[in-house]
Amino acid sequence: MEFFTELTYWHWLILVLLLLGGEAMGASGFLLGAAGAAATLVVLNLINDDLSWQMQFSVFGIVAVFLSWRYWQQFRSFNEKTDRPNLNDRAAQLVGRTLTLSKDLQNGEGKEQIGDTFWRLQAASDLKAGAQVEITGTKDRVLQIAEIE
């Protein structure tokens, strides 16, 4: 327990280096808030080496939460921006595509193979096999279709 009562800037500096090393291994920003908090304590301990361990841990916790929150707030939209928003949404990629039904739709619902996947289809009315349809949208992994006239 004596270790905690004798915290110096060296302890915090070692923690900064460990956290930045972990971040370099691929933590995706998760450890940056804690590393920033530890760096803050390095500076505080250099200015005033008489801080109690309770105060140091309190400052570390508060600053780590604050910096992590700020990082998340600043970069969350950056990670969501893309020039291909439908890259991993196969159903959305099919919107606008036309196809010929191989089976009748009953009660406006059915299945159709597109590529190597069977997709559930939903239309406003019953359609016969051979009808030309266009995929107009998706809802809960079900393709919404309309007959092409």
C-alpha atoms as a PDB file:
ATOM      1  CA  MET A   1       0.000   0.000   0.000  1.00  0.00           C
ATOM      2  CA  GLU A   2       3.004   2.250   0.420  1.00  0.00           C
ATOM      3  CA  PHE A   3       3.278   2.406  -3.375  1.00  0.00           C
ATOM      4  CA  PHE A   4       0.048   4.428  -3.558  1.00  0.00           C
ATOM      5  CA  THR A   5       1.081   6.903  -0.874  1.00  0.00           C
ATOM      6  CA  GLU A   6       4.330   7.745  -2.685  1.00  0.00           C
ATOM      7  CA  LEU A   7       3.074   8.514  -6.211  1.00  0.00           C
ATOM      8  CA  THR A   8       5.436  10.783  -8.129  1.00  0.00           C
ATOM      9  CA  TYR A   9       5.478  12.140 -11.652  1.00  0.00           C
ATOM     10  CA  TRP A  10       7.595   9.116 -12.678  1.00  0.00           C
ATOM     11  CA  HIS A  11       4.734   6.751 -11.930  1.00  0.00           C
ATOM     12  CA  TRP A  12       2.374   8.816 -14.051  1.00  0.00           C
ATOM     13  CA  LEU A  13       4.945   9.168 -16.832  1.00  0.00           C
ATOM     14  CA  ILE A  14       5.335   5.380 -16.976  1.00  0.00           C
ATOM     15  CA  LEU A  15       1.549   5.070 -17.134  1.00  0.00           C
ATOM     16  CA  VAL A  16       1.432   7.600 -20.006  1.00  0.00           C
ATOM     17  CA  LEU A  17       3.975   5.560 -21.945  1.00  0.00           C
ATOM     18  CA  LEU A  18       2.152   2.283 -21.269  1.00  0.00           C
ATOM     19  CA  LEU A  19      -1.192   3.753 -22.329  1.00  0.00           C
ATOM     20  CA  LEU A  20       0.263   5.303 -25.485  1.00  0.00           C
ATOM     21  CA  GLY A  21       1.941   1.972 -26.259  1.00  0.00           C
ATOM     22  CA  GLY A  22      -1.401   0.239 -25.869  1.00  0.00           C
ATOM     23  CA  GLU A  23      -2.987   2.866 -28.082  1.00  0.00           C
ATOM     24  CA  ALA A  24      -0.338   2.252 -30.731  1.00  0.00           C
ATOM     25  CA  MET A  25      -1.264  -1.439 -30.652  1.00  0.00           C
ATOM     26  CA  GLY A  26      -4.742  -0.538 -31.902  1.00  0.00           C
ATOM     27  CA  ALA A  27      -7.073   0.710 -29.180  1.00  0.00           C
ATOM     28  CA  SER A  28      -8.721   3.139 -31.670  1.00  0.00           C
ATOM     29  CA  GLY A  29      -8.612   6.122 -29.352  1.00  0.00           C
ATOM     30  CA  PHE A  30      -9.955   4.258 -26.343  1.00  0.00           C
ATOM     31  CA  LEU A  31      -6.832   4.847 -24.218  1.00  0.00           C
ATOM     32  CA  LEU A  32      -6.124   8.448 -25.267  1.00  0.00           C
ATOM     33  CA  GLY A  33      -8.316   9.975 -22.545  1.00  0.00           C
ATOM     34  CA  ALA A  34      -6.535   8.006 -19.823  1.00  0.00           C
ATOM     35  CA  ALA A  35      -3.128   8.837 -21.324  1.00  0.00           C
ATOM     36  CA  GLY A  36      -4.048  12.526 -21.365  1.00  0.00           C
ATOM     37  CA  ALA A  37      -5.178  12.330 -17.741  1.00  0.00           C
ATOM     38  CA  ALA A  38      -1.919  10.653 -16.733  1.00  0.00           C
ATOM     39  CA  ALA A  39       0.018  13.344 -18.620  1.00  0.00           C
ATOM     40  CA  THR A  40      -1.955  15.983 -16.720  1.00  0.00           C
ATOM     41  CA  LEU A  41      -0.833  14.380 -13.479  1.00  0.00           C
ATOM     42  CA  VAL A  42       2.783  14.386 -14.647  1.00  0.00           C
ATOM     43  CA  VAL A  43       2.521  18.163 -15.025  1.00  0.00           C
ATOM     44  CA  LEU A  44       0.624  18.608 -11.727  1.00  0.00           C
ATOM     45  CA  ASN A  45       3.212  16.541  -9.852  1.00  0.00           C
ATOM     46  CA  LEU A  46       6.054  18.555 -11.371  1.00  0.00           C
ATOM     47  CA  ILE A  47       4.354  21.769 -10.241  1.00  0.00           C
ATOM     48  CA  ASN A  48       3.299  20.501  -6.812  1.00  0.00           C
ATOM     49  CA  ASP A  49       4.825  17.265  -5.518  1.00  0.00           C
ATOM     50  CA  ASP A  50       2.725  17.397  -2.353  1.00  0.00           C
ATOM     51  CA  LEU A  51      -0.548  16.051  -3.838  1.00  0.00           C
ATOM     52  CA  SER A  52      -2.145  13.209  -1.876  1.00  0.00           C
ATOM     53  CA  TRP A  53      -2.729   9.928  -3.657  1.00  0.00           C
ATOM     54  CA  GLN A  54      -6.483  10.364  -3.176  1.00  0.00           C
ATOM     55  CA  MET A  55      -6.361  13.714  -4.946  1.00  0.00           C
ATOM     56  CA  GLN A  56      -4.212  12.279  -7.737  1.00  0.00           C
ATOM     57  CA  PHE A  57      -6.598   9.381  -8.371  1.00  0.00           C
ATOM     58  CA  SER A  58      -9.596  11.728  -8.253  1.00  0.00           C
ATOM     59  CA  VAL A  59      -8.023  14.084 -10.772  1.00  0.00           C
ATOM     60  CA  PHE A  60      -7.015  11.145 -12.948  1.00  0.00           C
ATOM     61  CA  GLY A  61     -10.554   9.734 -12.984  1.00  0.00           C
ATOM     62  CA  ILE A  62     -12.257  13.041 -13.694  1.00  0.00           C
ATOM     63  CA  VAL A  63      -9.810  14.125 -16.400  1.00  0.00           C
ATOM     64  CA  ALA A  64      -9.806  10.671 -18.032  1.00  0.00           C
ATOM     65  CA  VAL A  65     -13.611  10.639 -18.279  1.00  0.00           C
ATOM     66  CA  PHE A  66     -13.680  14.221 -19.569  1.00  0.00           C
ATOM     67  CA  LEU A  67     -10.982  13.676 -22.200  1.00  0.00           C
ATOM     68  CA  SER A  68     -12.530  10.387 -23.338  1.00  0.00           C
ATOM     69  CA  TRP A  69     -15.908  12.099 -23.692  1.00  0.00           C
ATOM     70  CA  ARG A  70     -14.336  14.973 -25.670  1.00  0.00           C
ATOM     71  CA  TYR A  71     -12.522  12.511 -27.947  1.00  0.00           C
ATOM     72  CA  TRP A  72     -15.749  10.602 -28.584  1.00  0.00           C
ATOM     73  CA  GLN A  73     -17.674  13.824 -29.213  1.00  0.00           C
ATOM     74  CA  GLN A  74     -15.042  15.147 -31.636  1.00  0.00           C
ATOM     75  CA  PHE A  75     -14.403  12.011 -33.675  1.00  0.00           C
ATOM     76  CA  ARG A  76     -17.638   9.980 -33.670  1.00  0.00           C
ATOM     77  CA  SER A  77     -18.943  11.705 -36.813  1.00  0.00           C
ATOM     78  CA  PHE A  78     -15.542  11.334 -38.475  1.00  0.00           C
ATOM     79  CA  ASN A  79     -15.812   7.539 -38.184  1.00  0.00           C
ATOM     80  CA  GLU A  80     -19.328   7.564 -39.656  1.00  0.00           C
ATOM     81  CA  LYS A  81     -18.515   9.637 -42.775  1.00  0.00           C
ATOM     82  CA  THR A  82     -18.043   7.632 -45.935  1.00  0.00           C
ATOM     83  CA  ASP A  83     -18.364   8.090 -49.667  1.00  0.00           C
ATOM     84  CA  ARG A  84     -20.014   4.639 -49.859  1.00  0.00           C
ATOM     85  CA  PRO A  85     -22.715   4.510 -47.154  1.00  0.00           C
ATOM     86  CA  ASN A  86     -24.213   1.253 -48.490  1.00  0.00           C
ATOM     87  CA  LEU A  87     -20.923  -0.629 -48.607  1.00  0.00           C
ATOM     88  CA  ASN A  88     -21.941  -3.195 -45.987  1.00  0.00           C
ATOM     89  CA  ASP A  89     -25.698  -3.059 -46.597  1.00  0.00           C
ATOM     90  CA  ARG A  90     -26.382  -5.526 -49.380  1.00  0.00           C
ATOM     91  CA  ALA A  91     -30.142  -4.915 -49.321  1.00  0.00           C
ATOM     92  CA  ALA A  92     -29.676  -1.169 -49.870  1.00  0.00           C
ATOM     93  CA  GLN A  93     -27.303  -1.888 -52.772  1.00  0.00           C
ATOM     94  CA  LEU A  94     -30.125  -3.705 -54.565  1.00  0.00           C
ATOM     95  CA  VAL A  95     -32.497  -0.709 -54.575  1.00  0.00           C
ATOM     96  CA  GLY A  96     -33.220   0.349 -58.153  1.00  0.00           C
ATOM     97  CA  ARG A  97     -32.414  -3.057 -59.618  1.00  0.00           C
ATOM     98  CA  THR A  98     -35.006  -4.784 -61.812  1.00  0.00           C
ATOM     99  CA  LEU A  99     -35.733  -8.493 -61.921  1.00  0.00           C
ATOM    100  CA  THR A 100     -38.190 -11.048 -63.226  1.00  0.00           C
ATOM    101  CA  LEU A 101     -40.140 -13.036 -60.638  1.00  0.00           C
ATOM    102  CA  SER A 102     -39.662 -16.797 -60.860  1.00  0.00           C
ATOM    103  CA  LYS A 103     -42.558 -17.560 -58.497  1.00  0.00           C
ATOM    104  CA  ASP A 104     -45.938 -16.022 -57.740  1.00  0.00           C
ATOM    105  CA  LEU A 105     -46.254 -13.628 -54.805  1.00  0.00           C
ATOM    106  CA  GLN A 106     -49.101 -14.571 -52.495  1.00  0.00           C
ATOM    107  CA  ASN A 107     -50.557 -11.919 -50.215  1.00  0.00           C
ATOM    108  CA  GLY A 108     -47.924  -9.589 -51.646  1.00  0.00           C
ATOM    109  CA  GLU A 109     -45.052 -11.646 -50.191  1.00  0.00           C
ATOM    110  CA  GLY A 110     -42.577 -14.163 -51.539  1.00  0.00           C
ATOM    111  CA  LYS A 111     -38.948 -15.129 -52.003  1.00  0.00           C
ATOM    112  CA  GLU A 112     -36.558 -14.666 -54.888  1.00  0.00           C
ATOM    113  CA  GLN A 113     -32.943 -15.632 -55.431  1.00  0.00           C
ATOM    114  CA  ILE A 114     -30.738 -12.686 -56.343  1.00  0.00           C
ATOM    115  CA  GLY A 115     -27.150 -13.715 -56.872  1.00  0.00           C
ATOM    116  CA  ASP A 116     -26.449 -16.404 -54.294  1.00  0.00           C
ATOM    117  CA  THR A 117     -28.932 -15.173 -51.685  1.00  0.00           C
ATOM    118  CA  PHE A 118     -32.649 -15.770 -51.231  1.00  0.00           C
ATOM    119  CA  TRP A 119     -34.397 -12.506 -50.393  1.00  0.00           C
ATOM    120  CA  ARG A 120     -37.841 -11.980 -48.966  1.00  0.00           C
ATOM    121  CA  LEU A 121     -39.967  -9.751 -51.182  1.00  0.00           C
ATOM    122  CA  GLN A 122     -42.937  -7.589 -50.343  1.00  0.00           C
ATOM    123  CA  ALA A 123     -45.267  -5.889 -52.817  1.00  0.00           C
ATOM    124  CA  ALA A 124     -48.504  -3.919 -52.544  1.00  0.00           C
ATOM    125  CA  SER A 125     -50.424  -6.686 -54.328  1.00  0.00           C
ATOM    126  CA  ASP A 126     -50.116 -10.250 -55.592  1.00  0.00           C
ATOM    127  CA  LEU A 127     -47.869 -10.674 -58.622  1.00  0.00           C
ATOM    128  CA  LYS A 128     -47.528 -13.582 -61.038  1.00  0.00           C
ATOM    129  CA  ALA A 129     -44.308 -15.370 -62.001  1.00  0.00           C
ATOM    130  CA  GLY A 130     -42.678 -13.660 -64.981  1.00  0.00           C
ATOM    131  CA  ALA A 131     -43.657 -10.165 -63.838  1.00  0.00           C
ATOM    132  CA  GLN A 132     -40.978  -7.495 -64.183  1.00  0.00           C
ATOM    133  CA  VAL A 133     -40.420  -5.697 -60.869  1.00  0.00           C
ATOM    134  CA  GLU A 134     -38.139  -3.002 -59.509  1.00  0.00           C
ATOM    135  CA  ILE A 135     -36.718  -3.004 -56.001  1.00  0.00           C
ATOM    136  CA  THR A 136     -37.908   0.289 -54.511  1.00  0.00           C
ATOM    137  CA  GLY A 137     -36.617   0.016 -50.948  1.00  0.00           C
ATOM    138  CA  THR A 138     -35.894  -2.184 -47.959  1.00  0.00           C
ATOM    139  CA  LYS A 139     -37.459  -2.650 -44.564  1.00  0.00           C
ATOM    140  CA  ASP A 140     -36.095  -5.050 -41.960  1.00  0.00           C
ATOM    141  CA  ARG A 141     -34.066  -6.974 -44.583  1.00  0.00           C
ATOM    142  CA  VAL A 142     -37.186  -7.407 -46.762  1.00  0.00           C
ATOM    143  CA  LEU A 143     -37.006  -5.992 -50.286  1.00  0.00           C
ATOM    144  CA  GLN A 144     -39.906  -3.724 -51.204  1.00  0.00           C
ATOM    145  CA  ILE A 145     -40.844  -4.172 -54.862  1.00  0.00           C
ATOM    146  CA  ALA A 146     -43.183  -2.574 -57.400  1.00  0.00           C
ATOM    147  CA  GLU A 147     -44.307  -3.972 -60.751  1.00  0.00           C
ATOM    148  CA  ILE A 148     -42.905  -2.276 -63.840  1.00  0.00           C
ATOM    149  CA  GLU A 149     -45.706  -1.557 -66.277  1.00  0.00           C
END
